[in-house]
Amino acid sequence: MIHSKSKDAAIFGLPADRGRWLLIPLGMTVLLCLGSVYSWSILRAPLEGEFNIGATESLLPYTIALVFYAALMPIAGFYIPRIGTRTMTAIGGIFVGAGYILSSLVTNIAMMTLTYGVIAGTGVGITYGVPMVVVARWFPDQKGLAVGLTIIGFGLSPLVTAPLASSLIDTYSIKPTLRILGIAFSAIILLIAIALKLPPQDWHPRRNLSVQAKSSAPITYPVSPLKSRSFYGLWICYAIGTLVGLSAIGISSSVGEEIIAIDPRLAAGTVSLFALFNGISRPLFGWLSDRFKPHYVAIASYTLILIACVLMINADEGQVATYLIAFCLFWFCLGGWLAIAPTTTLRFFNPERYAQNYGLVFTAYGVGALLGTLTTGQIRDWFGSYTYAFYLMGLLAIIGILVASILLKRDRSSF
């Protein structure tokens, strides 16, 4: 039966073993559109001038977008099997486009928090998990690598969307830019939604059949992730990783301008460099999480974060190299966590319920986003500098190392 389905399944007219690889760049493109949220630091300065607001207020739409993105992710995970991958992608694409377009019409930051934060953030949350679910099901033999490659799109998005948004703002100003981006993102996501389908039940690639046949001891999983110690270890570690990473992303350009005193245009350009590291870390950490125990991979990530924090605590005006190295590490580690978490979820818990399980794990992202972005903005407003935020980030990295060492392990002895 498995052999028949493996033979008959086709994607774009190609045998599924080959055609499934086309789903990765398609999913990557959808996530590239969604990942434009990481380019928020490019929009902040024009919005602060447009609405006459401070650093904390200008972070509100970004923060709320991340919170709604994380909140909708688990809800969407439960509805993907019921509604279908194509419909879920289309609905999310419409929300994303509408959020950007409506943001181009508002006159204050409160309304933009609603249009960009709530509406666009909801669209990102609805859509984000679908490409990951699709490739995880089509790649049962290479889950970590396939998911890591797909989510490159989200990480590399600022490499494309940051300079694009900056150029559009220079040409048309901030509000027309939001309108253009909204129309483009919606059209791209709706078109790709047609192709995002799941494989037949029990489908496996041909070369994986022999491995399946040889497996005599089936892997057992917890009845519910919420009853598993490893779930809480993963949740806490993910929250810390995203809290630090998203905080750094939100202040990247501002730190470059205020602490290092680099040119604002150069500061905007560095976001593309950081996005490159954010992207390449995803397949790397996905591959590492497939091959090594997750707590070792987590500890490695936190160690890199600590190094970045030490660099920025000691950074001063003109130290461009220090700034670039530190923020490349911050973005690199955030991308790593967005691969470690889904791959570890697939490894620790029943992969047949991946959409629901990762939805629960992903709530950690929302908590990290909310606490991180609000805290860094407040630190800047209270102390007049972002430098003090890096002390907090370093402390959290140390806590993460301890939690990973104790809790980020499979409950059963067999690993």
Protein backbone atom coordinates (compact mmCIF):
# COMPACT_ATOMS: atom_id res chain seq x y z
CA MET A 1 0.00 0.00 0.00
CA ILE A 2 2.79 2.44 0.92
CA HIS A 3 4.66 1.49 -2.22
CA SER A 4 1.61 2.21 -4.39
CA LYS A 5 1.06 5.63 -2.89
CA SER A 6 4.74 6.42 -3.15
CA LYS A 7 4.65 5.51 -6.81
CA ASP A 8 1.39 7.24 -7.76
CA ALA A 9 1.78 10.56 -5.92
CA ALA A 10 2.82 13.42 -8.18
CA ILE A 11 3.64 17.11 -7.76
CA PHE A 12 3.55 19.46 -10.76
CA GLY A 13 3.46 16.39 -12.98
CA LEU A 14 6.70 15.05 -11.50
CA PRO A 15 7.11 11.91 -9.36
CA ALA A 16 6.62 13.01 -5.76
CA ASP A 17 10.19 12.08 -4.77
CA ARG A 18 11.43 14.80 -7.13
CA GLY A 19 8.48 17.18 -7.25
CA ARG A 20 8.38 17.63 -3.48
CA TRP A 21 11.59 19.69 -3.69
CA LEU A 22 9.66 22.39 -5.57
CA LEU A 23 7.47 22.90 -2.51
CA ILE A 24 10.47 24.23 -0.57
CA PRO A 25 11.10 27.36 -2.71
CA LEU A 26 7.34 27.97 -2.89
CA GLY A 27 7.01 27.79 0.88
CA MET A 28 10.15 29.89 1.18
CA THR A 29 8.54 32.61 -0.98
CA VAL A 30 5.38 32.69 1.15
CA LEU A 31 7.49 33.05 4.28
CA LEU A 32 9.59 35.74 2.61
CA CYS A 33 6.42 37.83 2.28
CA LEU A 34 5.44 37.14 5.90
CA GLY A 35 8.95 37.85 7.17
CA SER A 36 8.68 41.48 6.08
CA VAL A 37 7.67 42.07 9.71
CA TYR A 38 11.40 41.79 10.48
CA SER A 39 11.99 44.91 8.39
CA TRP A 40 10.04 47.03 10.88
CA SER A 41 13.18 48.88 11.97
CA ILE A 42 13.26 50.44 8.48
CA LEU A 43 9.72 51.77 8.94
CA ARG A 44 10.19 53.09 12.47
CA ALA A 45 12.06 56.33 11.75
CA PRO A 46 9.60 57.52 9.05
CA LEU A 47 6.67 56.64 11.32
CA GLU A 48 8.18 58.48 14.31
CA GLY A 49 8.41 61.57 12.12
CA GLU A 50 4.97 61.04 10.57
CA PHE A 51 3.15 60.62 13.89
CA ASN A 52 5.55 62.55 16.19
CA ILE A 53 6.07 59.61 18.58
CA GLY A 54 8.90 58.04 20.63
CA ALA A 55 10.76 54.75 20.55
CA THR A 56 8.32 52.79 22.71
CA GLU A 57 5.26 53.88 20.72
CA SER A 58 6.89 53.19 17.35
CA LEU A 59 7.52 49.60 18.45
CA LEU A 60 3.85 48.97 19.26
CA PRO A 61 2.65 47.84 15.80
CA TYR A 62 5.67 45.53 15.46
CA THR A 63 5.18 44.13 18.95
CA ILE A 64 1.44 43.53 18.55
CA ALA A 65 2.02 41.97 15.12
CA LEU A 66 4.41 39.47 16.68
CA VAL A 67 1.98 38.74 19.51
CA PHE A 68 -0.96 38.11 17.15
CA TYR A 69 1.29 36.12 14.85
CA ALA A 70 2.21 33.87 17.78
CA ALA A 71 -1.34 33.74 19.18
CA LEU A 72 -2.93 32.75 15.85
CA MET A 73 -0.28 30.13 15.10
CA PRO A 74 -1.64 27.48 17.54
CA ILE A 75 -5.24 28.25 16.58
CA ALA A 76 -4.38 27.87 12.89
CA GLY A 77 -2.57 24.63 13.68
CA PHE A 78 -5.81 23.04 14.87
CA TYR A 79 -7.75 24.25 11.83
CA ILE A 80 -5.27 23.26 9.10
CA PRO A 81 -6.46 19.61 9.09
CA ARG A 82 -10.10 20.76 8.99
CA ILE A 83 -9.96 23.63 6.50
CA GLY A 84 -7.02 22.49 4.38
CA THR A 85 -3.61 23.94 3.63
CA ARG A 86 -4.63 25.84 0.50
CA THR A 87 -7.59 27.61 2.10
CA MET A 88 -5.64 28.50 5.22
CA THR A 89 -2.85 30.00 3.12
CA ALA A 90 -5.33 32.04 1.07
CA ILE A 91 -7.12 33.38 4.15
CA GLY A 92 -3.82 34.38 5.73
CA GLY A 93 -2.63 36.07 2.55
CA ILE A 94 -5.77 38.19 2.43
CA PHE A 95 -5.30 39.28 6.05
CA VAL A 96 -1.65 40.19 5.47
CA GLY A 97 -2.45 42.27 2.41
CA ALA A 98 -5.41 43.98 4.08
CA GLY A 99 -3.29 44.86 7.13
CA TYR A 100 -0.64 46.60 5.04
CA ILE A 101 -3.15 48.39 2.82
CA LEU A 102 -5.25 49.64 5.74
CA SER A 103 -2.05 50.79 7.49
CA SER A 104 -1.46 53.13 4.56
CA LEU A 105 -4.72 54.94 5.39
CA VAL A 106 -4.34 55.56 9.13
CA THR A 107 -3.45 58.85 10.80
CA ASN A 108 -2.06 57.76 14.18
CA ILE A 109 -0.03 55.01 15.80
CA ALA A 110 -3.02 53.56 17.66
CA MET A 111 -4.83 52.83 14.38
CA MET A 112 -1.66 51.43 12.85
CA THR A 113 -1.30 49.13 15.84
CA LEU A 114 -4.73 47.78 14.92
CA THR A 115 -4.22 47.54 11.16
CA TYR A 116 -0.60 46.39 11.05
CA GLY A 117 -0.32 44.78 14.47
CA VAL A 118 -3.66 42.99 14.73
CA ILE A 119 -4.77 42.44 11.12
CA ALA A 120 -1.43 41.83 9.37
CA GLY A 121 -0.11 39.97 12.43
CA THR A 122 -3.18 37.71 12.33
CA GLY A 123 -2.48 36.96 8.67
CA VAL A 124 1.11 36.03 9.42
CA GLY A 125 -0.04 33.71 12.22
CA ILE A 126 -2.62 31.99 10.03
CA THR A 127 -0.20 31.43 7.15
CA TYR A 128 3.16 30.83 8.83
CA GLY A 129 2.68 27.21 9.84
CA VAL A 130 1.24 25.95 6.57
CA PRO A 131 4.45 25.69 4.46
CA MET A 132 6.18 24.03 7.41
CA VAL A 133 3.39 21.47 7.82
CA VAL A 134 3.42 20.76 4.09
CA VAL A 135 7.18 20.17 3.78
CA ALA A 136 7.35 18.22 7.06
CA ARG A 137 4.76 15.79 5.67
CA TRP A 138 6.46 15.52 2.27
CA PHE A 139 9.92 15.02 3.86
CA PRO A 140 9.51 12.40 6.61
CA ASP A 141 13.10 11.34 5.93
CA GLN A 142 14.70 14.84 6.20
CA LYS A 143 12.37 16.85 8.39
CA GLY A 144 14.92 19.15 10.01
CA LEU A 145 16.67 20.03 6.78
CA ALA A 146 13.44 20.53 4.83
CA VAL A 147 11.81 22.72 7.47
CA GLY A 148 15.07 24.65 7.96
CA LEU A 149 15.36 25.32 4.24
CA THR A 150 11.73 26.44 3.99
CA ILE A 151 11.91 28.93 6.85
CA ILE A 152 14.96 30.53 5.26
CA GLY A 153 12.36 32.68 3.53
CA PHE A 154 11.21 34.24 6.79
CA GLY A 155 14.76 34.92 7.93
CA LEU A 156 16.05 36.23 4.61
CA SER A 157 13.00 38.42 4.07
CA PRO A 158 14.69 41.62 5.31
CA LEU A 159 17.48 40.97 2.80
CA VAL A 160 14.85 41.67 0.14
CA THR A 161 12.10 43.64 1.89
CA ALA A 162 14.30 46.03 3.91
CA PRO A 163 16.11 47.61 0.93
CA LEU A 164 12.89 47.40 -1.09
CA ALA A 165 10.92 49.24 1.60
CA SER A 166 13.71 51.78 2.06
CA SER A 167 13.80 52.48 -1.69
CA LEU A 168 10.02 52.76 -1.91
CA ILE A 169 9.92 55.12 1.09
CA ASP A 170 12.55 57.36 -0.54
CA THR A 171 10.52 57.42 -3.75
CA TYR A 172 6.90 57.45 -2.58
CA SER A 173 6.99 58.06 1.25
CA ILE A 174 5.83 55.69 3.96
CA LYS A 175 2.09 55.29 3.32
CA PRO A 176 2.20 54.48 -0.42
CA THR A 177 4.99 52.01 0.40
CA LEU A 178 2.71 50.12 2.79
CA ARG A 179 -0.01 50.00 0.11
CA ILE A 180 2.35 48.67 -2.57
CA LEU A 181 3.73 45.98 -0.25
CA GLY A 182 0.25 44.89 0.82
CA ILE A 183 -0.96 44.38 -2.76
CA ALA A 184 2.20 42.52 -3.77
CA PHE A 185 2.26 40.20 -0.74
CA SER A 186 -1.40 39.29 -1.08
CA ALA A 187 -1.07 38.45 -4.77
CA ILE A 188 2.03 36.28 -4.27
CA ILE A 189 0.59 34.32 -1.33
CA LEU A 190 -2.76 33.69 -3.05
CA LEU A 191 -1.03 32.39 -6.15
CA ILE A 192 1.25 29.99 -4.26
CA ALA A 193 -1.61 28.77 -2.04
CA ILE A 194 -2.87 26.70 -4.98
CA ALA A 195 0.22 24.46 -4.84
CA LEU A 196 0.45 23.84 -1.07
CA LYS A 197 -1.12 20.39 -0.69
CA LEU A 198 -0.40 17.52 1.70
CA PRO A 199 0.77 14.07 0.55
CA PRO A 200 -1.55 11.04 0.62
CA GLN A 201 -1.92 9.41 4.03
CA ASP A 202 1.07 7.16 4.89
CA TRP A 203 3.07 8.41 1.90
CA HIS A 204 6.84 7.87 2.14
CA PRO A 205 9.66 8.51 -0.34
CA ARG A 206 10.89 5.35 -2.07
CA ARG A 207 14.37 5.40 -0.56
CA ASN A 208 12.80 5.66 2.90
CA LEU A 209 10.72 2.48 2.53
CA SER A 210 13.60 0.13 3.37
CA VAL A 211 14.30 2.11 6.55
CA GLN A 212 10.61 1.91 7.45
CA ALA A 213 10.59 -1.84 6.90
CA LYS A 214 13.66 -2.40 9.09
CA SER A 215 12.28 -0.42 12.00
CA SER A 216 11.07 -2.99 14.53
CA ALA A 217 10.69 -0.73 17.57
CA PRO A 218 8.16 2.06 16.91
CA ILE A 219 8.88 5.39 18.54
CA THR A 220 6.51 6.27 21.36
CA TYR A 221 5.45 9.85 22.04
CA PRO A 222 3.77 11.56 25.00
CA VAL A 223 -0.03 11.41 24.86
CA SER A 224 -0.04 15.21 25.16
CA PRO A 225 2.91 17.62 24.98
CA LEU A 226 1.46 19.45 27.98
CA LYS A 227 2.09 16.38 30.13
CA SER A 228 5.74 16.20 29.10
CA ARG A 229 8.65 17.80 30.96
CA SER A 230 10.45 18.29 27.66
CA PHE A 231 7.60 20.50 26.40
CA TYR A 232 8.18 23.02 29.17
CA GLY A 233 11.92 22.90 28.66
CA LEU A 234 11.46 23.59 24.95
CA TRP A 235 8.89 26.31 25.64
CA ILE A 236 11.10 28.21 28.08
CA CYS A 237 14.18 27.89 25.88
CA TYR A 238 12.24 29.05 22.81
CA ALA A 239 10.79 32.01 24.71
CA ILE A 240 14.26 33.12 25.81
CA GLY A 241 15.75 32.64 22.33
CA THR A 242 13.00 34.65 20.65
CA LEU A 243 12.88 37.31 23.37
CA VAL A 244 16.56 38.10 22.84
CA GLY A 245 16.48 37.70 19.06
CA LEU A 246 13.35 39.73 18.40
CA SER A 247 14.51 42.46 20.76
CA ALA A 248 17.75 42.73 18.82
CA ILE A 249 15.96 42.74 15.47
CA GLY A 250 13.64 45.54 16.54
CA ILE A 251 16.51 47.83 17.58
CA SER A 252 19.16 46.89 14.98
CA SER A 253 19.18 50.12 13.00
CA SER A 254 18.59 52.31 16.06
CA VAL A 255 21.54 50.82 17.95
CA GLY A 256 23.79 51.31 14.93
CA GLU A 257 22.83 54.97 14.70
CA GLU A 258 22.77 55.85 18.41
CA ILE A 259 25.60 53.81 19.95
CA ILE A 260 27.98 53.27 17.02
CA ALA A 261 27.07 56.56 15.27
CA ILE A 262 26.92 55.11 11.77
CA ASP A 263 25.06 56.79 8.93
CA PRO A 264 21.29 56.07 8.98
CA ARG A 265 21.37 54.80 5.39
CA LEU A 266 24.23 52.44 6.25
CA ALA A 267 22.35 51.32 9.37
CA ALA A 268 19.37 50.41 7.19
CA GLY A 269 21.66 48.54 4.80
CA THR A 270 23.14 46.45 7.60
CA VAL A 271 19.71 44.87 8.16
CA SER A 272 20.19 42.99 4.89
CA LEU A 273 23.50 41.60 6.14
CA PHE A 274 21.91 40.54 9.42
CA ALA A 275 19.04 38.92 7.54
CA LEU A 276 21.54 36.81 5.59
CA PHE A 277 22.83 35.34 8.86
CA ASN A 278 19.27 34.91 10.10
CA GLY A 279 18.50 32.90 6.98
CA ILE A 280 21.56 30.67 6.70
CA SER A 281 21.31 29.64 10.36
CA ARG A 282 17.93 27.96 9.80
CA PRO A 283 18.94 24.97 7.66
CA LEU A 284 22.17 24.74 9.65
CA PHE A 285 20.40 24.52 13.02
CA GLY A 286 17.73 22.27 11.51
CA TRP A 287 20.45 19.91 10.33
CA LEU A 288 22.20 20.06 13.71
CA SER A 289 18.93 19.36 15.54
CA ASP A 290 18.41 16.27 13.40
CA ARG A 291 21.83 14.90 14.37
CA PHE A 292 22.57 16.08 17.91
CA LYS A 293 20.59 16.19 21.13
CA PRO A 294 18.57 19.43 21.17
CA HIS A 295 19.95 20.65 24.51
CA TYR A 296 23.47 20.67 23.07
CA VAL A 297 22.30 22.76 20.11
CA ALA A 298 20.41 25.12 22.44
CA ILE A 299 23.46 25.64 24.67
CA ALA A 300 25.57 26.45 21.61
CA SER A 301 23.04 29.10 20.57
CA TYR A 302 22.94 30.71 24.02
CA THR A 303 26.74 30.78 24.13
CA LEU A 304 26.80 32.78 20.89
CA ILE A 305 24.21 35.16 22.36
CA LEU A 306 26.41 35.70 25.42
CA ILE A 307 29.35 36.56 23.17
CA ALA A 308 27.20 39.09 21.29
CA CYS A 309 26.02 40.68 24.55
CA VAL A 310 29.57 41.07 25.85
CA LEU A 311 30.59 42.71 22.57
CA MET A 312 27.72 45.24 22.70
CA ILE A 313 28.14 46.03 26.39
CA ASN A 314 31.69 47.12 25.58
CA ALA A 315 30.88 48.76 22.23
CA ASP A 316 31.50 52.45 21.70
CA GLU A 317 31.15 55.05 18.98
CA GLY A 318 32.90 54.11 15.75
CA GLN A 319 33.27 50.40 16.55
CA VAL A 320 31.42 49.26 13.45
CA ALA A 321 33.03 45.81 13.31
CA THR A 322 31.95 45.05 16.90
CA TYR A 323 28.40 46.10 16.10
CA LEU A 324 28.25 44.02 12.91
CA ILE A 325 29.65 40.88 14.55
CA ALA A 326 27.33 41.15 17.56
CA PHE A 327 24.15 41.71 15.58
CA CYS A 328 25.04 39.06 13.03
CA LEU A 329 25.20 36.68 16.01
CA PHE A 330 21.87 37.90 17.42
CA TRP A 331 20.10 37.42 14.09
CA PHE A 332 21.94 34.12 13.50
CA CYS A 333 20.72 32.72 16.81
CA LEU A 334 17.14 33.86 16.33
CA GLY A 335 17.08 32.08 12.97
CA GLY A 336 18.55 29.09 14.74
CA TRP A 337 15.72 28.98 17.27
CA LEU A 338 13.13 29.15 14.52
CA ALA A 339 14.65 25.90 13.25
CA ILE A 340 15.53 24.26 16.59
CA ALA A 341 11.98 24.60 17.94
CA PRO A 342 10.03 23.02 15.03
CA THR A 343 12.64 20.29 14.51
CA THR A 344 12.67 19.42 18.22
CA THR A 345 8.85 19.41 18.22
CA LEU A 346 8.91 16.88 15.38
CA ARG A 347 11.49 14.83 17.28
CA PHE A 348 9.92 14.85 20.76
CA PHE A 349 6.21 14.68 19.90
CA ASN A 350 3.91 12.85 17.48
CA PRO A 351 4.71 14.20 13.97
CA GLU A 352 1.19 13.34 12.80
CA ARG A 353 -0.04 16.15 15.07
CA TYR A 354 2.79 18.50 14.18
CA ALA A 355 0.57 21.49 13.32
CA GLN A 356 -1.17 21.35 16.69
CA ASN A 357 1.97 20.52 18.70
CA TYR A 358 4.11 23.24 17.17
CA GLY A 359 1.24 25.66 17.59
CA LEU A 360 1.43 25.09 21.36
CA VAL A 361 5.22 25.43 21.37
CA PHE A 362 5.00 28.56 19.25
CA THR A 363 3.11 30.46 21.98
CA ALA A 364 6.58 30.89 23.50
CA TYR A 365 7.42 33.08 20.50
CA GLY A 366 4.56 35.42 21.34
CA VAL A 367 5.60 35.75 24.97
CA GLY A 368 9.19 36.41 23.93
CA ALA A 369 8.09 38.98 21.37
CA LEU A 370 5.84 40.86 23.78
CA LEU A 371 8.27 40.98 26.69
CA GLY A 372 11.37 41.58 24.59
CA THR A 373 10.25 44.43 22.39
CA LEU A 374 8.43 46.29 25.16
CA THR A 375 11.37 45.91 27.54
CA THR A 376 13.99 47.22 25.10
CA GLY A 377 11.85 50.22 24.23
CA GLN A 378 11.31 51.02 27.89
CA ILE A 379 15.02 50.63 28.69
CA ARG A 380 15.82 53.12 25.91
CA ASP A 381 13.25 55.61 27.19
CA TRP A 382 14.26 55.20 30.86
CA PHE A 383 18.06 55.23 30.56
CA GLY A 384 18.56 57.05 27.26
CA SER A 385 20.57 54.15 25.76
CA TYR A 386 20.02 50.63 24.47
CA THR A 387 23.31 49.47 26.05
CA TYR A 388 21.58 48.37 29.27
CA ALA A 389 19.33 45.98 27.33
CA PHE A 390 22.34 43.77 26.59
CA TYR A 391 22.90 43.08 30.30
CA LEU A 392 19.37 41.64 30.46
CA MET A 393 19.90 39.61 27.30
CA GLY A 394 23.12 38.11 28.69
CA LEU A 395 21.40 37.13 31.94
CA LEU A 396 18.60 35.43 30.00
CA ALA A 397 21.15 33.50 27.91
CA ILE A 398 22.70 32.11 31.12
CA ILE A 399 19.23 31.10 32.36
CA GLY A 400 18.62 29.43 29.00
CA ILE A 401 21.77 27.34 29.32
CA LEU A 402 20.63 26.09 32.73
CA VAL A 403 17.09 25.30 31.57
CA ALA A 404 18.33 23.49 28.44
CA SER A 405 20.74 21.40 30.50
CA ILE A 406 17.99 20.27 32.88
CA LEU A 407 14.71 20.18 30.94
CA LEU A 408 15.35 20.13 27.19
CA LYS A 409 15.61 16.34 27.06
CA ARG A 410 13.26 13.63 25.91
CA ASP A 411 11.25 12.18 28.80
CA ARG A 412 12.05 8.60 27.82
CA SER A 413 15.57 7.25 28.06
CA SER A 414 15.56 6.15 24.42
CA PHE A 415 16.56 9.09 22.20
